[in-house]
Amino acid sequence: MARPTTPLAWARVLSGPLVHRAWDFATRLGAIGPHSPLARRYHAVGDGTAISFPRGAVFGERWIAIGANTLVSPYVSMSVGMPDLKGVTHDPPVISIGDRCSIGRNGWFVGGCGIVVEDDVIMGPNVYVTDHNHGYEDVTVPIWEQWPKEAPVRIGAGSWIGANVVVLPGADIGRNVTVAAGSVVRGHVPDRCVVAGAPARVVRQHDDVDGWLPARPGPPPVDDLDAFHA
C-alpha cells in the first residue's frame, strides 16, 4: 500500500476513521425514540419506534402520530400545513403512521386533511405522499396562489410501496397491495393486487380459488379529483 504523499492525504488517513466513528455515534445519539424529549413534540411516538437521524424537514409535529415498532429512515420529511401552521383546522393526527411500518429514506409526507398509513406497511426510498394540491382552473392567477384542494389518503395494512412512488390526494390503497417502483397512484386500489404505471393500473390480482392472476385490461383507478396532478 502506497504511503500518503500530501498533507491532505495524511489528514484523511489519520482523521478519516475518527470522522466516521463520530458520525456513527451522532446517528445513534440523534435518533428520536418514544422517550426522547423531542418525541414530546409529536402527537404520539409508539414504543420501539425510531425516527432516524438526520431527519428531513419536519414541522407540525403535534399533528403527526407514529405507532409502535416503526422505523422512519433518515431524511424523511413530514409537514402539516405551512411552517407557521396557519390554515390547519383538522384535529390531530393529520398524518398517522401505524405499527411495524418501515418508511424509506428521503420519503416525503405533506398533510393537510388526513394521511393514514396502516400497520405493517413498507415503503422504499423517495416515496412522496400528499393529500392536497393546488388548483389550476383560473388561468389568470398563478397556480401557487390558487386555493388547494384536499382529499384524504389511505395506504392499507400490509402493503409494499416501491421506490419513487407518488401517492396523490384521494388515493385509497387496499390491504396487501404492491405498488411498483415509479408508479403514480390515485383513486381506489382494491385489496391484494399489484399496480404499476403512471397512472397506476392493476396488473395482477389475487383470487381465492386460482391464486395470482393477470388483471383484465382496463382503465386505471379513477375518482372525481381530476384537478389533481403530480
Protein backbone atom coordinates (compact mmCIF):
# COMPACT_ATOMS: atom_id res chain seq x y z
CA MET A 1 0.00 0.00 0.00
CA ALA A 2 1.42 3.36 -1.06
CA ARG A 3 2.21 5.87 1.68
CA PRO A 4 0.39 9.24 1.69
CA THR A 5 2.38 11.96 -0.05
CA THR A 6 0.41 15.14 0.72
CA PRO A 7 -0.87 16.80 3.90
CA LEU A 8 -4.48 16.19 2.80
CA ALA A 9 -3.78 12.51 2.23
CA TRP A 10 -2.19 12.24 5.68
CA ALA A 11 -5.18 14.05 7.22
CA ARG A 12 -7.54 11.55 5.61
CA VAL A 13 -5.53 8.62 6.90
CA LEU A 14 -5.33 9.97 10.44
CA SER A 15 -8.74 11.56 10.86
CA GLY A 16 -10.97 9.61 8.44
CA PRO A 17 -11.77 6.75 10.86
CA LEU A 18 -12.49 9.27 13.64
CA VAL A 19 -14.90 11.19 11.41
CA HIS A 20 -16.81 8.01 10.55
CA ARG A 21 -16.95 6.93 14.19
CA ALA A 22 -18.21 10.37 15.21
CA TRP A 23 -20.90 10.29 12.52
CA ASP A 24 -21.99 6.78 13.54
CA PHE A 25 -22.20 7.96 17.14
CA ALA A 26 -24.22 11.02 16.12
CA THR A 27 -26.72 8.92 14.18
CA ARG A 28 -27.29 6.72 17.23
CA LEU A 29 -27.43 9.65 19.63
CA GLY A 30 -29.61 11.79 17.37
CA ALA A 31 -32.33 9.20 16.72
CA ILE A 32 -35.69 10.05 18.28
CA GLY A 33 -37.36 7.33 20.32
CA PRO A 34 -40.53 7.33 22.38
CA HIS A 35 -38.70 8.59 25.49
CA SER A 36 -36.72 11.32 23.73
CA PRO A 37 -37.59 14.90 24.71
CA LEU A 38 -38.11 15.63 21.00
CA ALA A 39 -40.80 12.92 20.87
CA ARG A 40 -42.97 15.14 23.06
CA ARG A 41 -43.44 17.45 20.09
CA TYR A 42 -45.31 14.71 18.22
CA HIS A 43 -48.92 13.73 18.78
CA ALA A 44 -47.62 10.22 19.51
CA VAL A 45 -44.48 8.12 19.13
CA GLY A 46 -45.02 4.45 19.98
CA ASP A 47 -42.81 2.07 21.95
CA GLY A 48 -39.93 0.64 19.97
CA THR A 49 -40.17 3.29 17.25
CA ALA A 50 -37.09 5.10 15.92
CA ILE A 51 -37.05 8.31 13.90
CA SER A 52 -33.60 8.21 12.37
CA PHE A 53 -31.02 10.99 12.37
CA PRO A 54 -30.71 13.14 10.43
CA ARG A 55 -34.38 13.97 9.94
CA GLY A 56 -35.69 15.69 6.86
CA ALA A 57 -37.73 18.88 7.04
CA VAL A 58 -40.33 18.26 9.78
CA PHE A 59 -42.87 20.71 11.13
CA GLY A 60 -46.32 20.43 12.62
CA GLU A 61 -45.18 17.51 14.78
CA ARG A 62 -48.19 17.76 17.08
CA TRP A 63 -50.36 16.73 14.11
CA ILE A 64 -48.17 13.64 13.43
CA ALA A 65 -48.68 10.27 15.12
CA ILE A 66 -46.35 7.28 14.67
CA GLY A 67 -47.20 3.84 16.04
CA ALA A 68 -45.09 1.22 17.79
CA ASN A 69 -42.02 -0.60 16.41
CA THR A 70 -41.88 1.60 13.32
CA LEU A 71 -38.69 2.76 11.60
CA VAL A 72 -38.54 6.18 9.96
CA SER A 73 -35.35 6.27 7.89
CA PRO A 74 -33.02 9.27 7.55
CA TYR A 75 -34.06 12.36 5.63
CA VAL A 76 -37.79 11.63 5.77
CA SER A 77 -39.71 14.91 5.64
CA MET A 78 -43.15 15.33 7.17
CA SER A 79 -45.19 18.51 7.19
CA VAL A 80 -48.68 19.50 8.23
CA GLY A 81 -49.83 22.89 7.00
CA MET A 82 -47.35 25.69 6.48
CA PRO A 83 -44.36 26.28 8.78
CA ASP A 84 -46.40 28.74 10.86
CA LEU A 85 -49.26 26.16 10.93
CA LYS A 86 -51.80 28.62 9.61
CA GLY A 87 -54.77 27.02 7.94
CA VAL A 88 -54.67 23.73 9.87
CA THR A 89 -58.26 23.23 11.00
CA HIS A 90 -58.30 19.44 11.41
CA ASP A 91 -57.93 17.66 14.73
CA PRO A 92 -54.69 15.73 15.22
CA PRO A 93 -53.36 13.50 13.96
CA VAL A 94 -53.36 14.64 10.34
CA ILE A 95 -50.52 12.26 9.42
CA SER A 96 -50.90 8.86 11.07
CA ILE A 97 -48.41 6.02 10.58
CA GLY A 98 -49.24 2.64 12.10
CA ASP A 99 -47.34 -0.09 13.92
CA ARG A 100 -44.42 -2.08 12.47
CA CYS A 101 -44.01 0.16 9.43
CA SER A 102 -40.78 1.00 7.63
CA ILE A 103 -40.56 4.38 5.89
CA GLY A 104 -37.75 4.53 3.35
CA ARG A 105 -35.01 7.12 3.10
CA ASN A 106 -35.89 10.52 1.58
CA GLY A 107 -39.64 9.96 1.86
CA TRP A 108 -41.97 12.94 2.00
CA PHE A 109 -45.41 13.30 3.59
CA VAL A 110 -47.33 16.54 3.00
CA GLY A 111 -50.51 16.54 5.08
CA GLY A 112 -53.44 18.92 5.11
CA CYS A 113 -56.56 16.91 5.88
CA GLY A 114 -55.57 13.30 6.50
CA ILE A 115 -52.90 10.75 5.56
CA VAL A 116 -53.30 7.30 7.12
CA VAL A 117 -50.62 4.62 6.73
CA GLU A 118 -51.98 1.46 8.33
CA ASP A 119 -49.98 -1.24 10.13
CA ASP A 120 -47.18 -3.29 8.55
CA VAL A 121 -46.62 -1.03 5.55
CA ILE A 122 -43.16 -0.94 3.96
CA MET A 123 -42.06 1.96 1.78
CA GLY A 124 -38.98 2.16 -0.42
CA PRO A 125 -36.90 5.33 -0.75
CA ASN A 126 -38.14 8.59 -2.26
CA VAL A 127 -41.87 7.95 -1.80
CA TYR A 128 -43.99 11.12 -1.94
CA VAL A 129 -47.45 11.15 -0.32
CA THR A 130 -49.77 14.16 -0.28
CA ASP A 131 -53.43 14.76 0.48
CA HIS A 132 -53.73 18.17 -1.16
CA ASN A 133 -52.64 20.04 -4.23
CA HIS A 134 -53.10 23.47 -5.78
CA GLY A 135 -55.85 24.02 -8.31
CA TYR A 136 -55.09 25.43 -11.72
CA GLU A 137 -58.52 26.28 -13.13
CA ASP A 138 -58.14 30.06 -13.07
CA VAL A 139 -55.58 30.80 -15.79
CA THR A 140 -55.37 34.46 -14.72
CA VAL A 141 -53.89 33.57 -11.32
CA PRO A 142 -50.52 31.90 -10.66
CA ILE A 143 -51.06 28.28 -9.63
CA TRP A 144 -49.26 28.71 -6.32
CA GLU A 145 -51.81 31.38 -5.34
CA GLN A 146 -54.85 29.21 -6.08
CA TRP A 147 -56.63 27.53 -3.18
CA PRO A 148 -55.52 23.95 -2.50
CA LYS A 149 -57.94 21.06 -2.87
CA GLU A 150 -57.89 18.32 -0.26
CA ALA A 151 -58.82 14.64 -0.23
CA PRO A 152 -57.67 12.14 2.42
CA VAL A 153 -55.24 9.34 1.61
CA ARG A 154 -55.16 5.79 2.97
CA ILE A 155 -52.48 3.15 2.48
CA GLY A 156 -53.81 -0.22 3.59
CA ALA A 157 -52.23 -2.61 6.06
CA GLY A 158 -49.54 -4.98 4.85
CA SER A 159 -48.82 -3.07 1.63
CA TRP A 160 -45.48 -2.51 -0.09
CA ILE A 161 -44.83 0.85 -1.76
CA GLY A 162 -41.84 0.73 -4.11
CA ALA A 163 -39.16 3.34 -4.63
CA ASN A 164 -40.03 6.70 -6.20
CA VAL A 165 -43.81 6.20 -5.94
CA VAL A 166 -46.11 9.24 -5.86
CA VAL A 167 -49.39 8.88 -3.96
CA LEU A 168 -51.85 11.62 -4.92
CA PRO A 169 -54.77 13.15 -2.99
CA GLY A 170 -57.77 10.87 -2.70
CA ALA A 171 -55.77 7.66 -3.16
CA ASP A 172 -57.29 4.73 -1.26
CA ILE A 173 -54.89 1.80 -1.44
CA GLY A 174 -56.22 -1.52 -0.16
CA ARG A 175 -54.63 -4.15 2.04
CA ASN A 176 -51.61 -6.20 0.93
CA VAL A 177 -51.12 -4.17 -2.23
CA THR A 178 -47.79 -3.98 -4.06
CA VAL A 179 -47.17 -0.66 -5.81
CA ALA A 180 -44.38 -0.98 -8.37
CA ALA A 181 -41.48 1.44 -8.30
CA GLY A 182 -42.07 4.75 -10.06
CA SER A 183 -45.87 4.46 -10.08
CA VAL A 184 -48.28 7.36 -9.63
CA VAL A 185 -51.30 6.29 -7.60
CA ARG A 186 -54.71 7.92 -7.48
CA GLY A 187 -58.23 6.71 -6.84
CA HIS A 188 -59.28 3.38 -5.30
CA VAL A 189 -56.94 0.38 -5.44
CA PRO A 190 -58.51 -2.96 -4.40
CA ASP A 191 -57.05 -5.35 -1.83
CA ARG A 192 -54.42 -7.96 -2.74
CA CYS A 193 -53.23 -6.72 -6.08
CA VAL A 194 -50.18 -5.35 -7.87
CA VAL A 195 -50.38 -1.95 -9.53
CA ALA A 196 -47.85 -0.30 -11.81
CA GLY A 197 -47.54 2.69 -14.11
CA ALA A 198 -48.39 6.37 -14.27
CA PRO A 199 -51.26 6.45 -13.62
CA ALA A 200 -51.06 3.11 -11.82
CA ARG A 201 -53.17 0.22 -13.16
CA VAL A 202 -53.86 -3.20 -11.67
CA VAL A 203 -51.54 -5.70 -13.39
CA ARG A 204 -52.06 -8.72 -11.10
CA GLN A 205 -54.77 -9.59 -8.60
CA HIS A 206 -55.23 -12.43 -6.15
CA ASP A 207 -58.20 -14.79 -6.45
CA ASP A 208 -59.16 -17.01 -3.52
CA VAL A 209 -59.52 -20.02 -5.83
CA ASP A 210 -56.95 -19.55 -8.58
CA GLY A 211 -54.31 -17.50 -6.74
CA TRP A 212 -52.45 -14.70 -8.50
CA LEU A 213 -53.84 -13.90 -11.95
CA PRO A 214 -53.06 -11.29 -14.60
CA ALA A 215 -55.55 -8.46 -14.42
CA ARG A 216 -58.02 -7.92 -17.21
CA PRO A 217 -57.20 -4.91 -19.41
CA GLY A 218 -58.97 -1.82 -18.24
CA PRO A 219 -58.63 1.82 -17.22
CA PRO A 220 -56.62 2.94 -14.19
CA PRO A 221 -58.36 3.60 -10.88
CA VAL A 222 -60.36 6.82 -11.16
CA ASP A 223 -62.13 9.19 -8.82
CA ASP A 224 -63.69 12.63 -9.04
CA LEU A 225 -60.45 14.50 -8.41
CA ASP A 226 -59.38 15.18 -11.97
CA ALA A 227 -57.82 18.50 -10.96
CA PHE A 228 -55.06 16.79 -9.03
CA HIS A 229 -51.72 16.25 -10.67
CA ALA A 230 -48.29 15.09 -9.63
